[in-house]
Amino acid sequence: MSAKFDDFLQEQLQDPEFRKEYEALQPERAVIQAMIDARRTSGLTQKDLSERTGIAQGDISKLENGNANPSIRTLQRLASGMGMTLKVEFIPASAVTG
């Protein structure tokens, strides 16, 4: 993120309603970032991952841009295509906030 965006985001987060919505989207942003990081760590382009998984490159792009909601099955296919295993966790909220 650019410094200008970070400054803008910090300003917007002062609004309690905005902050609530922003925080509600955190899990979705975390999944998206994890997908991107895993793909890059694997040294794969979206096209490479598409070829390995049979998932259209355009669909991978939509997932990485937050324009689609992947199923667990899709996430498993992506993980497998990167030579990885999908892990989903439930952790106490206090571990996140405290």
N, C-alpha and C. Protein backbone atom coordinates (compact mmCIF):
# COMPACT_ATOMS: atom_id res chain seq x y z
N MET A 1 0.84 -1.18 0.00
CA MET A 1 0.00 0.00 0.00
C MET A 1 0.89 1.24 0.00
N SER A 2 0.41 2.26 -0.65
CA SER A 2 1.17 3.49 -0.69
C SER A 2 0.97 4.28 0.59
N ALA A 3 1.89 5.18 0.85
CA ALA A 3 1.80 6.02 2.05
C ALA A 3 0.53 6.87 2.02
N LYS A 4 0.18 7.37 0.83
CA LYS A 4 -1.03 8.19 0.71
C LYS A 4 -2.27 7.37 1.06
N PHE A 5 -2.31 6.12 0.58
CA PHE A 5 -3.46 5.28 0.90
C PHE A 5 -3.49 4.98 2.40
N ASP A 6 -2.34 4.68 2.98
CA ASP A 6 -2.29 4.41 4.42
C ASP A 6 -2.80 5.59 5.23
N ASP A 7 -2.41 6.79 4.83
CA ASP A 7 -2.88 7.99 5.51
C ASP A 7 -4.40 8.14 5.36
N PHE A 8 -4.89 7.90 4.15
CA PHE A 8 -6.33 7.99 3.89
C PHE A 8 -7.07 6.94 4.72
N LEU A 9 -6.56 5.72 4.74
CA LEU A 9 -7.20 4.65 5.48
C LEU A 9 -7.25 4.99 6.97
N GLN A 10 -6.16 5.48 7.52
CA GLN A 10 -6.14 5.83 8.94
C GLN A 10 -7.17 6.91 9.25
N GLU A 11 -7.31 7.85 8.34
CA GLU A 11 -8.30 8.91 8.51
C GLU A 11 -9.72 8.32 8.50
N GLN A 12 -9.99 7.43 7.55
CA GLN A 12 -11.32 6.83 7.44
C GLN A 12 -11.64 5.94 8.65
N LEU A 13 -10.61 5.29 9.21
CA LEU A 13 -10.83 4.40 10.35
C LEU A 13 -11.25 5.15 11.62
N GLN A 14 -11.17 6.46 11.60
CA GLN A 14 -11.63 7.25 12.73
C GLN A 14 -13.15 7.22 12.84
N ASP A 15 -13.81 6.94 11.72
CA ASP A 15 -15.27 6.85 11.68
C ASP A 15 -15.67 5.46 12.19
N PRO A 16 -16.38 5.37 13.33
CA PRO A 16 -16.73 4.07 13.92
C PRO A 16 -17.49 3.14 12.97
N GLU A 17 -18.38 3.68 12.16
CA GLU A 17 -19.13 2.86 11.22
C GLU A 17 -18.21 2.27 10.15
N PHE A 18 -17.31 3.10 9.63
CA PHE A 18 -16.35 2.63 8.63
C PHE A 18 -15.46 1.56 9.25
N ARG A 19 -14.96 1.81 10.46
CA ARG A 19 -14.08 0.86 11.14
C ARG A 19 -14.76 -0.49 11.31
N LYS A 20 -16.03 -0.48 11.70
CA LYS A 20 -16.77 -1.72 11.91
C LYS A 20 -16.84 -2.52 10.61
N GLU A 21 -17.18 -1.86 9.50
CA GLU A 21 -17.26 -2.55 8.21
C GLU A 21 -15.89 -3.03 7.76
N TYR A 22 -14.87 -2.20 7.94
CA TYR A 22 -13.50 -2.56 7.55
C TYR A 22 -13.04 -3.80 8.32
N GLU A 23 -13.29 -3.83 9.60
CA GLU A 23 -12.89 -4.96 10.43
C GLU A 23 -13.68 -6.22 10.09
N ALA A 24 -14.94 -6.05 9.68
CA ALA A 24 -15.77 -7.20 9.29
C ALA A 24 -15.21 -7.89 8.04
N LEU A 25 -14.53 -7.14 7.20
CA LEU A 25 -13.95 -7.70 5.97
C LEU A 25 -12.55 -8.27 6.18
N GLN A 26 -12.00 -8.15 7.36
CA GLN A 26 -10.62 -8.60 7.61
C GLN A 26 -10.40 -10.07 7.26
N PRO A 27 -11.28 -10.99 7.63
CA PRO A 27 -11.03 -12.39 7.27
C PRO A 27 -10.95 -12.61 5.75
N GLU A 28 -11.81 -11.92 5.01
CA GLU A 28 -11.78 -12.03 3.55
C GLU A 28 -10.46 -11.49 2.99
N ARG A 29 -10.02 -10.35 3.50
CA ARG A 29 -8.74 -9.78 3.06
C ARG A 29 -7.59 -10.73 3.40
N ALA A 30 -7.66 -11.38 4.55
CA ALA A 30 -6.60 -12.31 4.97
C ALA A 30 -6.52 -13.51 4.03
N VAL A 31 -7.66 -14.04 3.62
CA VAL A 31 -7.67 -15.17 2.69
C VAL A 31 -7.08 -14.75 1.35
N ILE A 32 -7.49 -13.60 0.86
CA ILE A 32 -6.98 -13.10 -0.42
C ILE A 32 -5.47 -12.94 -0.34
N GLN A 33 -4.98 -12.30 0.73
CA GLN A 33 -3.54 -12.08 0.84
C GLN A 33 -2.79 -13.40 0.97
N ALA A 34 -3.36 -14.36 1.69
CA ALA A 34 -2.72 -15.67 1.83
C ALA A 34 -2.62 -16.37 0.47
N MET A 35 -3.67 -16.26 -0.35
CA MET A 35 -3.63 -16.87 -1.69
C MET A 35 -2.51 -16.24 -2.53
N ILE A 36 -2.46 -14.92 -2.52
CA ILE A 36 -1.44 -14.22 -3.31
C ILE A 36 -0.05 -14.57 -2.81
N ASP A 37 0.15 -14.52 -1.50
CA ASP A 37 1.46 -14.83 -0.93
C ASP A 37 1.89 -16.26 -1.25
N ALA A 38 0.96 -17.21 -1.14
CA ALA A 38 1.28 -18.61 -1.42
C ALA A 38 1.67 -18.79 -2.88
N ARG A 39 0.92 -18.15 -3.76
CA ARG A 39 1.23 -18.28 -5.20
C ARG A 39 2.59 -17.70 -5.50
N ARG A 40 2.88 -16.54 -4.95
CA ARG A 40 4.18 -15.90 -5.20
C ARG A 40 5.32 -16.71 -4.58
N THR A 41 5.10 -17.23 -3.37
CA THR A 41 6.11 -18.07 -2.71
C THR A 41 6.41 -19.30 -3.56
N SER A 42 5.38 -19.81 -4.22
CA SER A 42 5.54 -20.97 -5.09
C SER A 42 6.21 -20.62 -6.41
N GLY A 43 6.39 -19.33 -6.65
CA GLY A 43 7.02 -18.88 -7.89
C GLY A 43 6.13 -19.05 -9.11
N LEU A 44 4.82 -19.01 -8.89
CA LEU A 44 3.87 -19.23 -9.98
C LEU A 44 3.17 -17.95 -10.38
N THR A 45 2.88 -17.84 -11.66
CA THR A 45 2.01 -16.77 -12.14
C THR A 45 0.57 -17.29 -12.04
N GLN A 46 -0.37 -16.40 -12.23
CA GLN A 46 -1.77 -16.84 -12.27
C GLN A 46 -1.96 -17.84 -13.40
N LYS A 47 -1.31 -17.62 -14.52
CA LYS A 47 -1.43 -18.53 -15.66
C LYS A 47 -0.88 -19.91 -15.30
N ASP A 48 0.29 -19.94 -14.64
CA ASP A 48 0.86 -21.22 -14.21
C ASP A 48 -0.11 -21.97 -13.31
N LEU A 49 -0.67 -21.25 -12.34
CA LEU A 49 -1.59 -21.87 -11.39
C LEU A 49 -2.85 -22.36 -12.10
N SER A 50 -3.30 -21.60 -13.06
CA SER A 50 -4.46 -21.99 -13.86
C SER A 50 -4.19 -23.32 -14.57
N GLU A 51 -3.02 -23.43 -15.17
CA GLU A 51 -2.67 -24.65 -15.90
C GLU A 51 -2.58 -25.85 -14.96
N ARG A 52 -2.10 -25.63 -13.74
CA ARG A 52 -1.96 -26.72 -12.78
C ARG A 52 -3.29 -27.16 -12.17
N THR A 53 -4.23 -26.24 -12.06
CA THR A 53 -5.47 -26.53 -11.34
C THR A 53 -6.69 -26.71 -12.24
N GLY A 54 -6.60 -26.22 -13.47
CA GLY A 54 -7.76 -26.25 -14.35
C GLY A 54 -8.76 -25.14 -14.03
N ILE A 55 -8.39 -24.23 -13.12
CA ILE A 55 -9.22 -23.07 -12.80
C ILE A 55 -8.80 -21.95 -13.75
N ALA A 56 -9.75 -21.35 -14.41
CA ALA A 56 -9.44 -20.30 -15.38
C ALA A 56 -8.62 -19.19 -14.74
N GLN A 57 -7.66 -18.69 -15.49
CA GLN A 57 -6.80 -17.61 -14.98
C GLN A 57 -7.63 -16.39 -14.60
N GLY A 58 -8.66 -16.10 -15.38
CA GLY A 58 -9.55 -14.98 -15.06
C GLY A 58 -10.25 -15.17 -13.73
N ASP A 59 -10.59 -16.42 -13.41
CA ASP A 59 -11.23 -16.70 -12.12
C ASP A 59 -10.24 -16.55 -10.97
N ILE A 60 -8.99 -16.95 -11.20
CA ILE A 60 -7.95 -16.76 -10.17
C ILE A 60 -7.75 -15.26 -9.93
N SER A 61 -7.74 -14.50 -11.01
CA SER A 61 -7.61 -13.04 -10.89
C SER A 61 -8.76 -12.45 -10.08
N LYS A 62 -9.98 -12.91 -10.37
CA LYS A 62 -11.14 -12.41 -9.63
C LYS A 62 -11.01 -12.73 -8.14
N LEU A 63 -10.55 -13.93 -7.82
CA LEU A 63 -10.37 -14.31 -6.42
C LEU A 63 -9.34 -13.40 -5.75
N GLU A 64 -8.21 -13.19 -6.43
CA GLU A 64 -7.14 -12.38 -5.85
C GLU A 64 -7.51 -10.90 -5.74
N ASN A 65 -8.46 -10.47 -6.53
CA ASN A 65 -8.91 -9.08 -6.47
C ASN A 65 -10.12 -8.89 -5.56
N GLY A 66 -10.58 -9.99 -4.94
CA GLY A 66 -11.72 -9.90 -4.04
C GLY A 66 -13.05 -9.79 -4.73
N ASN A 67 -13.10 -10.18 -6.01
CA ASN A 67 -14.34 -10.08 -6.78
C ASN A 67 -15.08 -11.40 -6.88
N ALA A 68 -14.68 -12.37 -6.09
CA ALA A 68 -15.35 -13.68 -6.07
C ALA A 68 -15.11 -14.30 -4.70
N ASN A 69 -16.01 -15.15 -4.28
CA ASN A 69 -15.88 -15.84 -3.00
C ASN A 69 -15.59 -17.31 -3.26
N PRO A 70 -14.36 -17.75 -2.97
CA PRO A 70 -14.01 -19.13 -3.25
C PRO A 70 -14.63 -20.11 -2.26
N SER A 71 -14.96 -21.28 -2.76
CA SER A 71 -15.42 -22.35 -1.88
C SER A 71 -14.19 -23.01 -1.25
N ILE A 72 -14.41 -23.79 -0.22
CA ILE A 72 -13.30 -24.54 0.39
C ILE A 72 -12.69 -25.47 -0.67
N ARG A 73 -13.55 -26.06 -1.48
CA ARG A 73 -13.06 -26.96 -2.54
C ARG A 73 -12.12 -26.22 -3.50
N THR A 74 -12.48 -25.01 -3.89
CA THR A 74 -11.62 -24.21 -4.78
C THR A 74 -10.31 -23.88 -4.10
N LEU A 75 -10.37 -23.49 -2.83
CA LEU A 75 -9.14 -23.19 -2.10
C LEU A 75 -8.25 -24.43 -2.01
N GLN A 76 -8.86 -25.61 -1.83
CA GLN A 76 -8.08 -26.85 -1.79
C GLN A 76 -7.41 -27.12 -3.14
N ARG A 77 -8.13 -26.87 -4.22
CA ARG A 77 -7.54 -27.06 -5.56
C ARG A 77 -6.38 -26.11 -5.78
N LEU A 78 -6.55 -24.86 -5.36
CA LEU A 78 -5.46 -23.88 -5.49
C LEU A 78 -4.25 -24.30 -4.66
N ALA A 79 -4.50 -24.71 -3.42
CA ALA A 79 -3.40 -25.14 -2.55
C ALA A 79 -2.67 -26.32 -3.17
N SER A 80 -3.41 -27.29 -3.64
CA SER A 80 -2.81 -28.47 -4.26
C SER A 80 -1.96 -28.08 -5.48
N GLY A 81 -2.46 -27.16 -6.28
CA GLY A 81 -1.73 -26.69 -7.45
C GLY A 81 -0.42 -25.99 -7.10
N MET A 82 -0.33 -25.51 -5.87
CA MET A 82 0.90 -24.85 -5.40
C MET A 82 1.76 -25.80 -4.57
N GLY A 83 1.35 -27.06 -4.50
CA GLY A 83 2.08 -28.03 -3.70
C GLY A 83 1.91 -27.79 -2.22
N MET A 84 0.76 -27.27 -1.85
CA MET A 84 0.47 -26.92 -0.46
C MET A 84 -0.81 -27.60 0.00
N THR A 85 -1.07 -27.50 1.29
CA THR A 85 -2.29 -28.01 1.89
C THR A 85 -3.04 -26.84 2.50
N LEU A 86 -4.34 -26.81 2.33
CA LEU A 86 -5.17 -25.77 2.93
C LEU A 86 -5.37 -26.06 4.41
N LYS A 87 -5.22 -25.04 5.24
CA LYS A 87 -5.47 -25.16 6.67
C LYS A 87 -6.41 -24.03 7.07
N VAL A 88 -7.53 -24.39 7.67
CA VAL A 88 -8.50 -23.40 8.16
C VAL A 88 -8.55 -23.55 9.66
N GLU A 89 -8.51 -22.43 10.37
CA GLU A 89 -8.50 -22.47 11.83
C GLU A 89 -9.61 -21.62 12.41
N PHE A 90 -10.10 -22.04 13.55
CA PHE A 90 -10.97 -21.22 14.38
C PHE A 90 -10.15 -20.93 15.64
N ILE A 91 -9.96 -19.65 15.93
CA ILE A 91 -9.20 -19.28 17.12
C ILE A 91 -10.05 -18.36 17.99
N PRO A 92 -9.80 -18.37 19.31
CA PRO A 92 -10.57 -17.50 20.19
C PRO A 92 -10.41 -16.04 19.77
N ALA A 93 -11.51 -15.31 19.81
CA ALA A 93 -11.48 -13.89 19.45
C ALA A 93 -10.50 -13.13 20.32
N SER A 94 -10.36 -13.56 21.57
CA SER A 94 -9.43 -12.87 22.48
C SER A 94 -7.99 -12.97 22.00
N ALA A 95 -7.67 -14.02 21.25
CA ALA A 95 -6.30 -14.19 20.72
C ALA A 95 -6.02 -13.16 19.63
N VAL A 96 -7.07 -12.66 18.99
CA VAL A 96 -6.91 -11.68 17.92
C VAL A 96 -6.94 -10.27 18.48
N THR A 97 -7.86 -10.02 19.40
CA THR A 97 -8.04 -8.66 19.91
C THR A 97 -7.15 -8.35 21.11
N GLY A 98 -6.73 -9.35 21.81
CA GLY A 98 -5.99 -9.09 23.04
C GLY A 98 -4.61 -9.50 22.93
